[in-house]
Every structure is written in structure tokens, then in C-alpha cells.
Amino acid sequence: ITTKDEYDTCLGKLKFQDGLPDEPTVQKVYDNLDRSRAMHAFLDMIPLASMEAMRAGFASIGCDACHKACIFGSLMDSRSLW
């Protein structure tokens, strides 16, 4: 298997010698992996943060335990309760 000595990518130029990446190329790829994993961790936690806000809102109107249910006097709409 042969590889080119240089690839132009969105990360910049990635350089290889005899199929092995040089040190700046390795650093660029690891930095990109770190950035990608951080982005995924952030995006994966958005629903959890939303659920926590909903739980805190229900707790503020008295529904503060897992065995309690909120009963509303009228139909809910898109306005915020809290």
C-alpha cells in the first residue's frame, strides 16, 4: 500500500514519510479528535440540561418528588410556568 507524502485537508497539510505521519501531523489529528469529542459531549448534554430545567421548574410549583404528579387547572400552552 502506498500513500502520498502530503495531503491537503480541512486541518491543513498532513505530511507523511514512508507512510508514517510527522509530529505536527500527529498533533493536528489529535487536536481535531479532542475538539470533535468535546463538541459531541456538549451536544449530548443539551437534552440533560433541558430535563434538569424542567425538573427544577416542576419542583418550584410543588411537584418535588418522584411520587408526585402535577395537575394543572387548565390546558398548558407554550408560555413558561416559571
C-alpha atoms as a PDB file:
ATOM      1  CA  ILE A   1       0.000   0.000   0.000  1.00  0.00           C
ATOM      2  CA  THR A   2       1.385   3.353  -0.937  1.00  0.00           C
ATOM      3  CA  THR A   3       0.472   6.731   0.472  1.00  0.00           C
ATOM      4  CA  LYS A   4       1.250  10.182  -0.751  1.00  0.00           C
ATOM      5  CA  ASP A   5       3.763  12.245   1.177  1.00  0.00           C
ATOM      6  CA  GLU A   6       1.348  15.143   1.642  1.00  0.00           C
ATOM      7  CA  TYR A   7      -2.438  15.568   1.858  1.00  0.00           C
ATOM      8  CA  ASP A   8      -4.358  18.844   1.833  1.00  0.00           C
ATOM      9  CA  THR A   9      -7.242  18.593   4.299  1.00  0.00           C
ATOM     10  CA  CYS A  10      -9.500  20.915   6.285  1.00  0.00           C
ATOM     11  CA  LEU A  11      -6.912  20.577   9.073  1.00  0.00           C
ATOM     12  CA  GLY A  12      -4.172  21.846   6.804  1.00  0.00           C
ATOM     13  CA  LYS A  13      -1.355  19.911   5.192  1.00  0.00           C
ATOM     14  CA  LEU A  14      -0.805  16.462   6.652  1.00  0.00           C
ATOM     15  CA  LYS A  15       2.677  15.158   5.899  1.00  0.00           C
ATOM     16  CA  PHE A  16       3.876  11.567   5.867  1.00  0.00           C
ATOM     17  CA  GLN A  17       7.239   9.954   5.393  1.00  0.00           C
ATOM     18  CA  ASP A  18       7.258   6.296   4.358  1.00  0.00           C
ATOM     19  CA  GLY A  19       3.584   6.120   5.401  1.00  0.00           C
ATOM     20  CA  LEU A  20       4.181   7.479   8.901  1.00  0.00           C
ATOM     21  CA  PRO A  21       2.910  10.919   9.942  1.00  0.00           C
ATOM     22  CA  ASP A  22       5.350  13.538  11.125  1.00  0.00           C
ATOM     23  CA  GLU A  23       4.968  15.096  14.596  1.00  0.00           C
ATOM     24  CA  PRO A  24       2.959  18.214  13.538  1.00  0.00           C
ATOM     25  CA  THR A  25       0.546  15.966  11.603  1.00  0.00           C
ATOM     26  CA  VAL A  26       0.023  13.741  14.646  1.00  0.00           C
ATOM     27  CA  GLN A  27      -0.623  16.809  16.807  1.00  0.00           C
ATOM     28  CA  LYS A  28      -3.135  18.249  14.302  1.00  0.00           C
ATOM     29  CA  VAL A  29      -5.070  14.981  14.157  1.00  0.00           C
ATOM     30  CA  TYR A  30      -5.151  14.574  17.963  1.00  0.00           C
ATOM     31  CA  ASP A  31      -6.223  18.208  18.391  1.00  0.00           C
ATOM     32  CA  ASN A  32      -9.029  17.613  15.915  1.00  0.00           C
ATOM     33  CA  LEU A  33     -10.126  14.464  17.796  1.00  0.00           C
ATOM     34  CA  ASP A  34     -10.154  16.388  21.086  1.00  0.00           C
ATOM     35  CA  ARG A  35     -12.243  19.170  19.547  1.00  0.00           C
ATOM     36  CA  SER A  36     -14.647  16.669  17.991  1.00  0.00           C
ATOM     37  CA  ARG A  37     -15.114  14.759  21.258  1.00  0.00           C
ATOM     38  CA  ALA A  38     -15.669  17.980  23.191  1.00  0.00           C
ATOM     39  CA  MET A  39     -18.321  19.064  20.695  1.00  0.00           C
ATOM     40  CA  HIS A  40     -20.099  15.699  20.957  1.00  0.00           C
ATOM     41  CA  ALA A  41     -20.002  15.800  24.760  1.00  0.00           C
ATOM     42  CA  PHE A  42     -21.528  19.294  24.724  1.00  0.00           C
ATOM     43  CA  LEU A  43     -24.261  18.346  22.251  1.00  0.00           C
ATOM     44  CA  ASP A  44     -25.058  15.108  24.087  1.00  0.00           C
ATOM     45  CA  MET A  45     -25.606  17.019  27.349  1.00  0.00           C
ATOM     46  CA  ILE A  46     -28.057  19.605  25.965  1.00  0.00           C
ATOM     47  CA  PRO A  47     -31.099  17.295  26.481  1.00  0.00           C
ATOM     48  CA  LEU A  48     -29.941  16.532  30.030  1.00  0.00           C
ATOM     49  CA  ALA A  49     -29.676  20.242  30.831  1.00  0.00           C
ATOM     50  CA  SER A  50     -33.178  20.752  29.421  1.00  0.00           C
ATOM     51  CA  MET A  51     -34.558  17.919  31.574  1.00  0.00           C
ATOM     52  CA  GLU A  52     -32.898  19.412  34.672  1.00  0.00           C
ATOM     53  CA  ALA A  53     -34.507  22.793  33.941  1.00  0.00           C
ATOM     54  CA  MET A  54     -37.883  21.073  33.565  1.00  0.00           C
ATOM     55  CA  ARG A  55     -37.382  19.175  36.850  1.00  0.00           C
ATOM     56  CA  ALA A  56     -36.425  22.372  38.672  1.00  0.00           C
ATOM     57  CA  GLY A  57     -39.472  24.133  37.232  1.00  0.00           C
ATOM     58  CA  PHE A  58     -41.831  21.403  38.392  1.00  0.00           C
ATOM     59  CA  ALA A  59     -40.177  21.404  41.823  1.00  0.00           C
ATOM     60  CA  SER A  60     -40.793  25.152  42.083  1.00  0.00           C
ATOM     61  CA  ILE A  61     -44.574  24.605  41.721  1.00  0.00           C
ATOM     62  CA  GLY A  62     -44.687  21.772  44.254  1.00  0.00           C
ATOM     63  CA  CYS A  63     -44.007  18.665  42.189  1.00  0.00           C
ATOM     64  CA  ASP A  64     -40.756  17.950  44.007  1.00  0.00           C
ATOM     65  CA  ALA A  65     -40.695  14.157  44.415  1.00  0.00           C
ATOM     66  CA  CYS A  66     -40.839  11.220  42.043  1.00  0.00           C
ATOM     67  CA  HIS A  67     -44.155  10.004  43.521  1.00  0.00           C
ATOM     68  CA  LYS A  68     -45.932  13.345  42.974  1.00  0.00           C
ATOM     69  CA  ALA A  69     -47.734  14.412  39.804  1.00  0.00           C
ATOM     70  CA  CYS A  70     -48.565  17.928  38.683  1.00  0.00           C
ATOM     71  CA  ILE A  71     -52.216  18.581  37.867  1.00  0.00           C
ATOM     72  CA  PHE A  72     -52.943  21.816  36.040  1.00  0.00           C
ATOM     73  CA  GLY A  73     -56.235  23.695  36.267  1.00  0.00           C
ATOM     74  CA  SER A  74     -56.292  24.439  32.542  1.00  0.00           C
ATOM     75  CA  LEU A  75     -54.604  23.213  29.414  1.00  0.00           C
ATOM     76  CA  MET A  76     -50.962  24.147  29.147  1.00  0.00           C
ATOM     77  CA  ASP A  77     -49.690  26.373  26.355  1.00  0.00           C
ATOM     78  CA  SER A  78     -46.246  27.395  25.183  1.00  0.00           C
ATOM     79  CA  ARG A  79     -45.776  30.055  27.902  1.00  0.00           C
ATOM     80  CA  SER A  80     -43.331  29.278  30.639  1.00  0.00           C
ATOM     81  CA  LEU A  81     -44.630  28.348  34.084  1.00  0.00           C
ATOM     82  CA  TRP A  82     -41.552  29.538  35.948  1.00  0.00           C
END
